[in-house]
Amino acid sequence: MQLFVYDPLLGVFSQFSMQRTAQLPYTDGAPVRLHDFLGSTTAETVWIDRRLLAAFGMLVKQFGAPVTVCGGFRRVMPGRSLCASPRCAGLMLDVGRGLPAPERERLRCLAVKSGLFEAVLPEYAAPTWVGLQKRPAPPCAPGCPFPELHAGDVNVCVFALQDALSVRGFPPDCGLSGCFDAATEGALRAFCRTKHVSYAGIVGEKIWHML
């Protein structure tokens, strides 16, 4: 499998060829296996932001005990729109399944108080696990988990854009790269033409919802 990890300090992706049973890079303090991050996803190309891994490692250190990961990533599926969470951008972890209920609630409260995550799912939305979300950029609108994107951007949300375009039948010539290049912009313009929507150089709420 090909794993892309975005490093915000360098502004680039590092690429790793891995087996599903391998440990994700940059998780020495809180090991995460690739198959646990993927859950039921069977795709051969996946991505994640290093900030999510760093935040999870710090949370586990504060918790003082191992915390299992039980999912988080999801590719865009044919016939479905982008999910209304950061999963398709590799910005979410589901953790703590198997912990006794009091310990799971302690972990949830600690995650909220730590300020390490922009969103922590409440118990009614995640009754048997703790959902941790990173949002490195502000969402473009309420109810949309993705930020505005512009040509030239490089980040995990560009991967989500490229993946959604591919599923809709407009794959960028560059494939999935996480880089909003000319090929991605061309595929986006073609998609927008079929929807009779103007594209003015910004991927915002309207385009995200169409995807």
N, C-alpha and C. Protein backbone atom coordinates (compact mmCIF):
# COMPACT_ATOMS: atom_id res chain seq x y z
N MET A 1 0.84 -1.19 0.00
CA MET A 1 0.00 0.00 0.00
C MET A 1 0.88 1.24 0.00
N GLN A 2 0.33 2.32 -0.55
CA GLN A 2 1.04 3.59 -0.58
C GLN A 2 0.41 4.54 0.45
N LEU A 3 1.21 4.97 1.39
CA LEU A 3 0.77 5.92 2.41
C LEU A 3 1.46 7.25 2.19
N PHE A 4 0.66 8.33 2.14
CA PHE A 4 1.17 9.68 2.02
C PHE A 4 0.94 10.39 3.35
N VAL A 5 2.00 10.94 3.94
CA VAL A 5 1.89 11.67 5.19
C VAL A 5 2.28 13.13 4.93
N TYR A 6 1.34 14.04 5.17
CA TYR A 6 1.62 15.45 4.93
C TYR A 6 2.37 16.04 6.13
N ASP A 7 3.48 16.70 5.84
CA ASP A 7 4.29 17.36 6.87
C ASP A 7 4.08 18.87 6.73
N PRO A 8 3.35 19.50 7.65
CA PRO A 8 3.06 20.93 7.51
C PRO A 8 4.30 21.82 7.64
N LEU A 9 5.32 21.36 8.33
CA LEU A 9 6.54 22.17 8.48
C LEU A 9 7.29 22.30 7.16
N LEU A 10 7.23 21.23 6.35
CA LEU A 10 7.92 21.23 5.06
C LEU A 10 6.98 21.57 3.91
N GLY A 11 5.67 21.40 4.14
CA GLY A 11 4.70 21.68 3.09
C GLY A 11 4.70 20.65 1.98
N VAL A 12 5.11 19.42 2.30
CA VAL A 12 5.18 18.34 1.30
C VAL A 12 4.68 17.05 1.92
N PHE A 13 4.44 16.06 1.04
CA PHE A 13 4.08 14.72 1.48
C PHE A 13 5.31 13.83 1.48
N SER A 14 5.40 12.97 2.48
CA SER A 14 6.33 11.85 2.45
C SER A 14 5.55 10.62 2.05
N GLN A 15 6.14 9.79 1.19
CA GLN A 15 5.44 8.62 0.67
C GLN A 15 6.10 7.35 1.19
N PHE A 16 5.28 6.40 1.63
CA PHE A 16 5.76 5.15 2.18
C PHE A 16 5.05 3.98 1.52
N SER A 17 5.79 2.95 1.17
CA SER A 17 5.21 1.69 0.71
C SER A 17 5.15 0.76 1.91
N MET A 18 3.95 0.30 2.27
CA MET A 18 3.76 -0.41 3.52
C MET A 18 2.82 -1.60 3.36
N GLN A 19 2.99 -2.57 4.24
CA GLN A 19 2.01 -3.64 4.40
C GLN A 19 0.93 -3.17 5.36
N ARG A 20 -0.26 -3.73 5.24
CA ARG A 20 -1.36 -3.31 6.12
C ARG A 20 -1.05 -3.54 7.59
N THR A 21 -0.18 -4.49 7.89
CA THR A 21 0.14 -4.80 9.29
C THR A 21 1.24 -3.90 9.85
N ALA A 22 1.82 -3.03 9.01
CA ALA A 22 2.94 -2.21 9.46
C ALA A 22 2.47 -1.07 10.35
N GLN A 23 3.41 -0.55 11.13
CA GLN A 23 3.12 0.59 12.00
C GLN A 23 3.27 1.89 11.21
N LEU A 24 2.34 2.80 11.42
CA LEU A 24 2.44 4.10 10.76
C LEU A 24 3.71 4.82 11.21
N PRO A 25 4.31 5.60 10.32
CA PRO A 25 5.47 6.40 10.73
C PRO A 25 5.05 7.51 11.68
N TYR A 26 6.02 8.03 12.41
CA TYR A 26 5.82 9.16 13.33
C TYR A 26 4.88 8.84 14.48
N THR A 27 4.81 7.56 14.88
CA THR A 27 3.92 7.18 16.00
C THR A 27 4.67 6.39 17.06
N ASP A 28 5.92 6.74 17.31
CA ASP A 28 6.72 5.99 18.29
C ASP A 28 6.09 6.03 19.67
N GLY A 29 5.54 7.17 20.07
CA GLY A 29 4.97 7.27 21.41
C GLY A 29 3.63 6.59 21.56
N ALA A 30 2.93 6.35 20.45
CA ALA A 30 1.61 5.72 20.48
C ALA A 30 1.43 4.95 19.19
N PRO A 31 1.99 3.74 19.12
CA PRO A 31 1.98 2.98 17.86
C PRO A 31 0.58 2.79 17.28
N VAL A 32 0.48 2.98 15.96
CA VAL A 32 -0.78 2.79 15.24
C VAL A 32 -0.48 1.91 14.04
N ARG A 33 -1.19 0.81 13.92
CA ARG A 33 -1.05 -0.06 12.76
C ARG A 33 -1.88 0.47 11.60
N LEU A 34 -1.36 0.33 10.41
CA LEU A 34 -2.06 0.83 9.23
C LEU A 34 -3.45 0.22 9.11
N HIS A 35 -3.58 -1.09 9.35
CA HIS A 35 -4.89 -1.73 9.18
C HIS A 35 -5.90 -1.22 10.20
N ASP A 36 -5.43 -0.77 11.36
CA ASP A 36 -6.35 -0.21 12.35
C ASP A 36 -6.85 1.16 11.91
N PHE A 37 -5.96 1.96 11.35
CA PHE A 37 -6.33 3.28 10.82
C PHE A 37 -7.33 3.13 9.67
N LEU A 38 -7.14 2.11 8.83
CA LEU A 38 -7.98 1.92 7.65
C LEU A 38 -9.36 1.36 7.97
N GLY A 39 -9.47 0.58 9.05
CA GLY A 39 -10.75 -0.06 9.32
C GLY A 39 -11.12 -1.00 8.19
N SER A 40 -12.29 -0.81 7.60
CA SER A 40 -12.74 -1.69 6.52
C SER A 40 -12.30 -1.22 5.14
N THR A 41 -11.60 -0.10 5.05
CA THR A 41 -11.15 0.43 3.77
C THR A 41 -10.12 -0.50 3.13
N THR A 42 -10.31 -0.81 1.87
CA THR A 42 -9.40 -1.74 1.18
C THR A 42 -8.56 -1.04 0.12
N ALA A 43 -8.61 0.28 0.04
CA ALA A 43 -7.89 1.02 -1.00
C ALA A 43 -6.39 0.82 -0.86
N GLU A 44 -5.69 0.97 -1.97
CA GLU A 44 -4.23 0.80 -1.99
C GLU A 44 -3.49 2.11 -1.81
N THR A 45 -4.19 3.23 -1.80
CA THR A 45 -3.57 4.54 -1.58
C THR A 45 -4.33 5.24 -0.47
N VAL A 46 -3.60 5.68 0.55
CA VAL A 46 -4.22 6.34 1.70
C VAL A 46 -3.36 7.53 2.10
N TRP A 47 -3.91 8.41 2.94
CA TRP A 47 -3.19 9.62 3.33
C TRP A 47 -3.59 10.04 4.73
N ILE A 48 -2.73 10.84 5.35
CA ILE A 48 -2.96 11.32 6.71
C ILE A 48 -2.10 12.56 6.93
N ASP A 49 -2.49 13.40 7.86
CA ASP A 49 -1.73 14.59 8.22
C ASP A 49 -0.91 14.28 9.47
N ARG A 50 0.37 14.63 9.43
CA ARG A 50 1.25 14.31 10.56
C ARG A 50 0.76 14.95 11.86
N ARG A 51 0.04 16.06 11.77
CA ARG A 51 -0.46 16.72 12.97
C ARG A 51 -1.45 15.85 13.73
N LEU A 52 -2.21 15.02 13.02
CA LEU A 52 -3.14 14.12 13.68
C LEU A 52 -2.37 13.07 14.48
N LEU A 53 -1.32 12.53 13.88
CA LEU A 53 -0.51 11.53 14.58
C LEU A 53 0.17 12.14 15.80
N ALA A 54 0.68 13.36 15.66
CA ALA A 54 1.35 14.02 16.78
C ALA A 54 0.37 14.29 17.93
N ALA A 55 -0.83 14.75 17.58
CA ALA A 55 -1.84 15.03 18.61
C ALA A 55 -2.25 13.76 19.34
N PHE A 56 -2.42 12.67 18.59
CA PHE A 56 -2.79 11.41 19.22
C PHE A 56 -1.69 10.93 20.16
N GLY A 57 -0.44 11.05 19.74
CA GLY A 57 0.67 10.65 20.60
C GLY A 57 0.69 11.43 21.90
N MET A 58 0.44 12.73 21.83
CA MET A 58 0.42 13.56 23.05
C MET A 58 -0.76 13.19 23.94
N LEU A 59 -1.90 12.87 23.33
CA LEU A 59 -3.06 12.47 24.13
C LEU A 59 -2.79 11.17 24.87
N VAL A 60 -2.21 10.20 24.20
CA VAL A 60 -1.91 8.91 24.84
C VAL A 60 -0.94 9.12 26.00
N LYS A 61 0.03 9.99 25.81
CA LYS A 61 0.99 10.28 26.89
C LYS A 61 0.28 10.86 28.10
N GLN A 62 -0.67 11.78 27.86
CA GLN A 62 -1.43 12.36 28.96
C GLN A 62 -2.35 11.33 29.62
N PHE A 63 -2.89 10.42 28.82
CA PHE A 63 -3.80 9.39 29.34
C PHE A 63 -3.07 8.40 30.23
N GLY A 64 -1.80 8.13 29.90
CA GLY A 64 -0.97 7.28 30.74
C GLY A 64 -1.18 5.80 30.55
N ALA A 65 -1.78 5.40 29.43
CA ALA A 65 -2.02 3.98 29.15
C ALA A 65 -2.21 3.82 27.65
N PRO A 66 -1.95 2.62 27.11
CA PRO A 66 -2.15 2.42 25.67
C PRO A 66 -3.60 2.67 25.24
N VAL A 67 -3.74 3.19 24.04
CA VAL A 67 -5.07 3.46 23.47
C VAL A 67 -5.09 2.85 22.07
N THR A 68 -6.02 1.96 21.82
CA THR A 68 -6.11 1.32 20.51
C THR A 68 -6.83 2.22 19.52
N VAL A 69 -6.47 2.07 18.26
CA VAL A 69 -7.15 2.77 17.16
C VAL A 69 -8.04 1.75 16.45
N CYS A 70 -9.28 2.13 16.17
CA CYS A 70 -10.22 1.18 15.56
C CYS A 70 -10.79 1.71 14.25
N GLY A 71 -10.15 2.69 13.66
CA GLY A 71 -10.60 3.19 12.37
C GLY A 71 -10.34 4.68 12.25
N GLY A 72 -10.81 5.25 11.17
CA GLY A 72 -10.65 6.69 10.99
C GLY A 72 -10.67 7.11 9.53
N PHE A 73 -10.02 6.34 8.66
CA PHE A 73 -9.89 6.74 7.26
C PHE A 73 -11.00 6.13 6.40
N ARG A 74 -11.37 6.87 5.36
CA ARG A 74 -12.37 6.34 4.43
C ARG A 74 -12.14 6.96 3.06
N ARG A 75 -12.09 6.13 2.03
CA ARG A 75 -12.03 6.64 0.67
C ARG A 75 -13.45 6.98 0.21
N VAL A 76 -13.56 7.86 -0.78
CA VAL A 76 -14.85 8.19 -1.36
C VAL A 76 -15.36 6.95 -2.10
N MET A 77 -16.61 6.60 -1.86
CA MET A 77 -17.19 5.41 -2.46
C MET A 77 -18.06 5.77 -3.65
N PRO A 78 -18.03 4.97 -4.73
CA PRO A 78 -18.92 5.21 -5.87
C PRO A 78 -20.38 5.26 -5.43
N GLY A 79 -21.09 6.23 -5.94
CA GLY A 79 -22.50 6.37 -5.60
C GLY A 79 -22.75 7.12 -4.32
N ARG A 80 -21.68 7.54 -3.64
CA ARG A 80 -21.85 8.28 -2.39
C ARG A 80 -21.14 9.62 -2.48
N SER A 81 -21.66 10.58 -1.75
CA SER A 81 -21.01 11.87 -1.69
C SER A 81 -19.91 11.83 -0.63
N LEU A 82 -19.09 12.86 -0.62
CA LEU A 82 -18.09 12.97 0.43
C LEU A 82 -18.77 12.92 1.79
N CYS A 83 -18.24 12.13 2.71
CA CYS A 83 -18.85 12.04 4.03
C CYS A 83 -18.69 13.37 4.77
N ALA A 84 -19.62 13.68 5.63
CA ALA A 84 -19.62 14.96 6.34
C ALA A 84 -18.71 14.90 7.57
N SER A 85 -17.50 14.46 7.38
CA SER A 85 -16.49 14.43 8.43
C SER A 85 -15.13 14.48 7.77
N PRO A 86 -14.07 14.67 8.52
CA PRO A 86 -12.74 14.74 7.91
C PRO A 86 -12.17 13.37 7.53
N ARG A 87 -12.95 12.31 7.57
CA ARG A 87 -12.41 10.98 7.29
C ARG A 87 -11.75 10.89 5.91
N CYS A 88 -12.41 11.45 4.91
CA CYS A 88 -11.89 11.33 3.55
C CYS A 88 -10.61 12.13 3.35
N ALA A 89 -10.29 13.01 4.28
CA ALA A 89 -9.05 13.76 4.22
C ALA A 89 -7.98 13.16 5.14
N GLY A 90 -8.29 12.04 5.79
CA GLY A 90 -7.31 11.44 6.69
C GLY A 90 -7.06 12.27 7.93
N LEU A 91 -8.12 12.90 8.44
CA LEU A 91 -7.99 13.80 9.58
C LEU A 91 -8.80 13.35 10.78
N MET A 92 -9.10 12.05 10.85
CA MET A 92 -9.89 11.56 11.98
C MET A 92 -9.38 10.22 12.44
N LEU A 93 -9.45 10.00 13.76
CA LEU A 93 -9.13 8.71 14.36
C LEU A 93 -10.27 8.29 15.28
N ASP A 94 -10.70 7.03 15.17
CA ASP A 94 -11.61 6.43 16.13
C ASP A 94 -10.76 5.59 17.07
N VAL A 95 -10.83 5.87 18.36
CA VAL A 95 -9.93 5.22 19.32
C VAL A 95 -10.68 4.77 20.56
N GLY A 96 -10.03 3.91 21.33
CA GLY A 96 -10.53 3.58 22.65
C GLY A 96 -11.59 2.51 22.72
N ARG A 97 -11.95 1.90 21.59
CA ARG A 97 -12.93 0.81 21.66
C ARG A 97 -12.32 -0.34 22.44
N GLY A 98 -13.05 -0.90 23.35
CA GLY A 98 -12.53 -1.96 24.20
C GLY A 98 -12.16 -1.47 25.59
N LEU A 99 -12.03 -0.16 25.76
CA LEU A 99 -11.79 0.38 27.10
C LEU A 99 -13.07 0.27 27.93
N PRO A 100 -12.94 0.04 29.23
CA PRO A 100 -14.12 0.10 30.09
C PRO A 100 -14.77 1.48 29.97
N ALA A 101 -16.08 1.54 30.10
CA ALA A 101 -16.80 2.79 29.89
C ALA A 101 -16.25 3.96 30.70
N PRO A 102 -15.91 3.79 31.98
CA PRO A 102 -15.35 4.94 32.72
C PRO A 102 -14.03 5.43 32.14
N GLU A 103 -13.18 4.49 31.70
CA GLU A 103 -11.89 4.88 31.13
C GLU A 103 -12.09 5.54 29.77
N ARG A 104 -13.06 5.06 29.01
CA ARG A 104 -13.34 5.67 27.73
C ARG A 104 -13.84 7.10 27.91
N GLU A 105 -14.65 7.32 28.92
CA GLU A 105 -15.15 8.67 29.17
C GLU A 105 -14.03 9.57 29.69
N ARG A 106 -13.12 8.99 30.48
CA ARG A 106 -11.96 9.77 30.93
C ARG A 106 -11.12 10.21 29.74
N LEU A 107 -10.95 9.30 28.77
CA LEU A 107 -10.19 9.62 27.57
C LEU A 107 -10.89 10.72 26.77
N ARG A 108 -12.21 10.62 26.65
CA ARG A 108 -12.97 11.63 25.90
C ARG A 108 -12.83 13.01 26.56
N CYS A 109 -12.99 13.04 27.86
CA CYS A 109 -12.88 14.33 28.58
C CYS A 109 -11.48 14.90 28.47
N LEU A 110 -10.48 14.02 28.56
CA LEU A 110 -9.10 14.46 28.43
C LEU A 110 -8.83 15.03 27.04
N ALA A 111 -9.39 14.38 26.02
CA ALA A 111 -9.20 14.86 24.65
C ALA A 111 -9.82 16.24 24.47
N VAL A 112 -10.98 16.47 25.08
CA VAL A 112 -11.63 17.78 24.99
C VAL A 112 -10.80 18.84 25.71
N LYS A 113 -10.38 18.54 26.94
CA LYS A 113 -9.65 19.51 27.75
C LYS A 113 -8.25 19.80 27.21
N SER A 114 -7.69 18.83 26.51
CA SER A 114 -6.31 18.99 26.04
C SER A 114 -6.17 20.08 24.98
N GLY A 115 -7.22 20.32 24.21
CA GLY A 115 -7.14 21.29 23.13
C GLY A 115 -6.33 20.80 21.93
N LEU A 116 -6.01 19.51 21.92
CA LEU A 116 -5.20 18.95 20.84
C LEU A 116 -6.01 18.74 19.56
N PHE A 117 -7.33 18.67 19.70
CA PHE A 117 -8.20 18.35 18.56
C PHE A 117 -9.26 19.43 18.40
N GLU A 118 -9.59 19.72 17.15
CA GLU A 118 -10.61 20.72 16.88
C GLU A 118 -12.00 20.19 17.19
N ALA A 119 -12.19 18.89 17.17
CA ALA A 119 -13.49 18.30 17.50
C ALA A 119 -13.29 16.93 18.12
N VAL A 120 -14.06 16.64 19.15
CA VAL A 120 -14.11 15.33 19.79
C VAL A 120 -15.58 14.92 19.82
N LEU A 121 -15.89 13.78 19.18
CA LEU A 121 -17.29 13.38 19.08
C LEU A 121 -17.88 13.13 20.46
N PRO A 122 -19.11 13.60 20.70
CA PRO A 122 -19.78 13.33 21.99
C PRO A 122 -20.17 11.87 22.09
N GLU A 123 -20.51 11.44 23.30
CA GLU A 123 -20.81 10.04 23.54
C GLU A 123 -21.99 9.55 22.70
N TYR A 124 -23.00 10.38 22.48
CA TYR A 124 -24.17 9.90 21.71
C TYR A 124 -23.79 9.61 20.26
N ALA A 125 -22.74 10.29 19.75
CA ALA A 125 -22.31 10.05 18.36
C ALA A 125 -21.27 8.94 18.27
N ALA A 126 -20.59 8.68 19.39
CA ALA A 126 -19.56 7.63 19.42
C ALA A 126 -19.69 6.88 20.73
N PRO A 127 -20.72 6.05 20.87
CA PRO A 127 -21.03 5.43 22.16
C PRO A 127 -20.01 4.41 22.64
N THR A 128 -19.26 3.78 21.73
CA THR A 128 -18.32 2.74 22.15
C THR A 128 -16.88 3.06 21.76
N TRP A 129 -16.63 4.27 21.32
CA TRP A 129 -15.27 4.69 20.98
C TRP A 129 -15.19 6.21 21.18
N VAL A 130 -14.02 6.78 20.93
CA VAL A 130 -13.82 8.22 21.01
C VAL A 130 -13.36 8.70 19.64
N GLY A 131 -14.08 9.64 19.05
CA GLY A 131 -13.74 10.17 17.73
C GLY A 131 -12.94 11.45 17.85
N LEU A 132 -11.75 11.46 17.29
CA LEU A 132 -10.83 12.60 17.38
C LEU A 132 -10.65 13.20 15.99
N GLN A 133 -10.84 14.50 15.87
CA GLN A 133 -10.74 15.16 14.57
C GLN A 133 -9.73 16.31 14.61
N LYS A 134 -8.89 16.37 13.57
CA LYS A 134 -8.03 17.53 13.34
C LYS A 134 -8.59 18.31 12.17
N ARG A 135 -8.55 19.63 12.28
CA ARG A 135 -8.96 20.51 11.18
C ARG A 135 -7.90 21.59 11.07
N PRO A 136 -6.84 21.32 10.32
CA PRO A 136 -5.73 22.26 10.24
C PRO A 136 -6.11 23.62 9.67
N ALA A 137 -7.21 23.69 8.92
CA ALA A 137 -7.70 24.96 8.37
C ALA A 137 -9.18 25.08 8.68
N PRO A 138 -9.69 26.30 8.84
CA PRO A 138 -11.11 26.47 9.16
C PRO A 138 -12.00 25.93 8.04
N PRO A 139 -13.10 25.27 8.39
CA PRO A 139 -14.06 24.83 7.36
C PRO A 139 -14.58 26.01 6.56
N CYS A 140 -14.89 25.77 5.30
CA CYS A 140 -15.35 26.87 4.44
C CYS A 140 -16.76 27.32 4.78
N ALA A 141 -17.52 26.47 5.49
CA ALA A 141 -18.90 26.82 5.84
C ALA A 141 -19.39 25.88 6.93
N PRO A 142 -20.39 26.28 7.72
CA PRO A 142 -20.97 25.37 8.70
C PRO A 142 -21.50 24.11 8.03
N GLY A 143 -21.23 22.98 8.63
CA GLY A 143 -21.71 21.72 8.08
C GLY A 143 -20.82 21.12 7.01
N CYS A 144 -19.76 21.83 6.63
CA CYS A 144 -18.80 21.31 5.67
C CYS A 144 -17.46 21.16 6.37
N PRO A 145 -16.87 19.97 6.39
CA PRO A 145 -15.63 19.77 7.15
C PRO A 145 -14.37 20.23 6.42
N PHE A 146 -14.53 20.66 5.16
CA PHE A 146 -13.35 20.95 4.35
C PHE A 146 -13.13 22.45 4.19
N PRO A 147 -11.88 22.89 4.07
CA PRO A 147 -11.59 24.31 3.88
C PRO A 147 -11.71 24.71 2.42
N GLU A 148 -11.63 26.00 2.15
CA GLU A 148 -11.50 26.46 0.77
C GLU A 148 -10.15 25.98 0.22
N LEU A 149 -10.16 25.59 -1.04
CA LEU A 149 -8.93 25.18 -1.71
C LEU A 149 -8.70 26.06 -2.92
N HIS A 150 -7.42 26.27 -3.23
CA HIS A 150 -7.03 27.06 -4.38
C HIS A 150 -5.95 26.31 -5.15
N ALA A 151 -5.84 26.62 -6.44
CA ALA A 151 -4.78 26.04 -7.25
C ALA A 151 -3.43 26.31 -6.58
N GLY A 152 -2.59 25.28 -6.53
CA GLY A 152 -1.29 25.39 -5.89
C GLY A 152 -1.26 24.85 -4.48
N ASP A 153 -2.43 24.62 -3.87
CA ASP A 153 -2.46 24.07 -2.51
C ASP A 153 -1.92 22.64 -2.49
N VAL A 154 -1.28 22.30 -1.38
CA VAL A 154 -0.78 20.94 -1.15
C VAL A 154 -1.21 20.56 0.26
N ASN A 155 -2.13 19.62 0.38
CA ASN A 155 -2.56 19.16 1.70
C ASN A 155 -3.48 17.95 1.53
N VAL A 156 -3.89 17.36 2.64
CA VAL A 156 -4.70 16.15 2.59
C VAL A 156 -6.10 16.40 2.04
N CYS A 157 -6.61 17.63 2.15
CA CYS A 157 -7.93 17.92 1.60
C CYS A 157 -7.92 17.91 0.08
N VAL A 158 -6.77 18.20 -0.52
CA VAL A 158 -6.65 18.09 -1.97
C VAL A 158 -6.80 16.63 -2.39
N PHE A 159 -6.26 15.71 -1.59
CA PHE A 159 -6.46 14.28 -1.86
C PHE A 159 -7.96 13.96 -1.89
N ALA A 160 -8.71 14.49 -0.91
CA ALA A 160 -10.15 14.23 -0.87
C ALA A 160 -10.83 14.78 -2.11
N LEU A 161 -10.42 15.96 -2.56
CA LEU A 161 -10.97 16.56 -3.78
C LEU A 161 -10.67 15.67 -4.99
N GLN A 162 -9.42 15.27 -5.15
CA GLN A 162 -9.04 14.43 -6.29
C GLN A 162 -9.75 13.09 -6.27
N ASP A 163 -9.90 12.52 -5.09
CA ASP A 163 -10.58 11.23 -4.96
C ASP A 163 -12.05 11.35 -5.36
N ALA A 164 -12.70 12.42 -4.89
CA ALA A 164 -14.11 12.62 -5.23
C ALA A 164 -14.29 12.87 -6.72
N LEU A 165 -13.41 13.65 -7.33
CA LEU A 165 -13.49 13.90 -8.77
C LEU A 165 -13.34 12.59 -9.54
N SER A 166 -12.41 11.75 -9.10
CA SER A 166 -12.19 10.47 -9.78
C SER A 166 -13.42 9.58 -9.72
N VAL A 167 -14.05 9.54 -8.55
CA VAL A 167 -15.25 8.71 -8.39
C VAL A 167 -16.39 9.25 -9.25
N ARG A 168 -16.44 10.58 -9.43
CA ARG A 168 -17.50 11.18 -10.26
C ARG A 168 -17.20 11.04 -11.76
N GLY A 169 -16.07 10.44 -12.11
CA GLY A 169 -15.75 10.24 -13.51
C GLY A 169 -14.85 11.30 -14.12
N PHE A 170 -14.19 12.09 -13.26
CA PHE A 170 -13.29 13.15 -13.73
C PHE A 170 -11.93 13.02 -13.05
N PRO A 171 -11.23 11.92 -13.27
CA PRO A 171 -9.94 11.74 -12.61
C PRO A 171 -8.88 12.70 -13.14
N PRO A 172 -8.16 13.40 -12.29
CA PRO A 172 -7.06 14.24 -12.75
C PRO A 172 -5.99 13.39 -13.44
N ASP A 173 -5.37 13.93 -14.48
CA ASP A 173 -4.34 13.18 -15.19
C ASP A 173 -3.19 12.81 -14.28
N CYS A 174 -2.99 13.60 -13.23
CA CYS A 174 -1.88 13.36 -12.30
C CYS A 174 -2.18 12.22 -11.34
N GLY A 175 -3.43 11.75 -11.31
CA GLY A 175 -3.83 10.74 -10.33
C GLY A 175 -4.02 11.39 -8.97
N LEU A 176 -3.87 10.61 -7.92
CA LEU A 176 -4.01 11.10 -6.56
C LEU A 176 -2.65 11.52 -6.05
N SER A 177 -2.47 12.80 -5.82
CA SER A 177 -1.16 13.32 -5.44
C SER A 177 -1.19 14.25 -4.24
N GLY A 178 -2.37 14.79 -3.91
CA GLY A 178 -2.46 15.76 -2.83
C GLY A 178 -2.02 17.16 -3.24
N CYS A 179 -1.70 17.34 -4.53
CA CYS A 179 -1.23 18.63 -5.05
C CYS A 179 -2.27 19.18 -6.02
N PHE A 180 -2.75 20.37 -5.76
CA PHE A 180 -3.77 21.01 -6.60
C PHE A 180 -3.07 21.64 -7.80
N ASP A 181 -2.75 20.80 -8.77
CA ASP A 181 -2.00 21.24 -9.94
C ASP A 181 -2.94 21.52 -11.11
N ALA A 182 -2.35 21.79 -12.28
CA ALA A 182 -3.15 22.12 -13.45
C ALA A 182 -4.07 20.97 -13.85
N ALA A 183 -3.61 19.73 -13.70
CA ALA A 183 -4.43 18.57 -14.07
C ALA A 183 -5.66 18.48 -13.16
N THR A 184 -5.47 18.75 -11.88
CA THR A 184 -6.60 18.73 -10.94
C THR A 184 -7.58 19.85 -11.28
N GLU A 185 -7.06 21.02 -11.58
CA GLU A 185 -7.94 22.14 -11.92
C GLU A 185 -8.71 21.85 -13.21
N GLY A 186 -8.05 21.20 -14.18
CA GLY A 186 -8.74 20.86 -15.41
C GLY A 186 -9.88 19.88 -15.17
N ALA A 187 -9.64 18.87 -14.34
CA ALA A 187 -10.70 17.90 -14.00
C ALA A 187 -11.84 18.59 -13.26
N LEU A 188 -11.50 19.51 -12.38
CA LEU A 188 -12.52 20.24 -11.62
C LEU A 188 -13.37 21.11 -12.55
N ARG A 189 -12.73 21.80 -13.50
CA ARG A 189 -13.48 22.63 -14.43
C ARG A 189 -14.45 21.78 -15.26
N ALA A 190 -13.98 20.61 -15.69
CA ALA A 190 -14.85 19.72 -16.47
C ALA A 190 -16.03 19.26 -15.64
N PHE A 191 -15.79 18.91 -14.38
CA PHE A 191 -16.87 18.50 -13.49
C PHE A 191 -17.89 19.62 -13.31
N CYS A 192 -17.39 20.83 -13.07
CA CYS A 192 -18.29 21.97 -12.84
C CYS A 192 -19.12 22.28 -14.08
N ARG A 193 -18.54 22.11 -15.27
CA ARG A 193 -19.31 22.36 -16.49
C ARG A 193 -20.50 21.42 -16.59
N THR A 194 -20.32 20.16 -16.21
CA THR A 194 -21.44 19.21 -16.29
C THR A 194 -22.53 19.55 -15.27
N LYS A 195 -22.16 20.25 -14.21
CA LYS A 195 -23.13 20.64 -13.18
C LYS A 195 -23.67 22.05 -13.42
N HIS A 196 -23.17 22.70 -14.50
CA HIS A 196 -23.60 24.06 -14.82
C HIS A 196 -23.32 25.02 -13.66
N VAL A 197 -22.15 24.84 -13.07
CA VAL A 197 -21.71 25.68 -11.96
C VAL A 197 -20.41 26.35 -12.36
N SER A 198 -20.29 27.63 -12.05
CA SER A 198 -19.07 28.34 -12.40
C SER A 198 -17.97 28.03 -11.38
N TYR A 199 -16.75 27.97 -11.88
CA TYR A 199 -15.59 27.77 -11.01
C TYR A 199 -14.72 29.00 -11.16
N ALA A 200 -14.53 29.71 -10.06
CA ALA A 200 -13.81 30.98 -10.08
C ALA A 200 -12.46 30.88 -9.37
N GLY A 201 -11.88 29.69 -9.39
CA GLY A 201 -10.56 29.54 -8.78
C GLY A 201 -10.57 29.13 -7.33
N ILE A 202 -11.75 28.93 -6.77
CA ILE A 202 -11.87 28.55 -5.36
C ILE A 202 -12.80 27.35 -5.23
N VAL A 203 -12.37 26.33 -4.51
CA VAL A 203 -13.24 25.21 -4.14
C VAL A 203 -13.85 25.55 -2.80
N GLY A 204 -15.12 25.90 -2.81
CA GLY A 204 -15.80 26.30 -1.59
C GLY A 204 -16.99 25.41 -1.28
N GLU A 205 -17.88 25.92 -0.47
CA GLU A 205 -19.01 25.12 0.04
C GLU A 205 -19.82 24.47 -1.08
N LYS A 206 -20.16 25.24 -2.13
CA LYS A 206 -21.04 24.74 -3.18
C LYS A 206 -20.41 23.53 -3.89
N ILE A 207 -19.14 23.65 -4.24
CA ILE A 207 -18.48 22.56 -4.95
C ILE A 207 -18.29 21.36 -4.04
N TRP A 208 -17.88 21.58 -2.80
CA TRP A 208 -17.72 20.46 -1.86
C TRP A 208 -19.04 19.69 -1.74
N HIS A 209 -20.15 20.40 -1.60
CA HIS A 209 -21.43 19.71 -1.42
C HIS A 209 -21.84 18.96 -2.69
N MET A 210 -21.49 19.48 -3.86
CA MET A 210 -21.80 18.76 -5.09
C MET A 210 -21.01 17.46 -5.18
N LEU A 211 -19.83 17.44 -4.57
CA LEU A 211 -19.00 16.24 -4.59
C LEU A 211 -19.46 15.21 -3.58
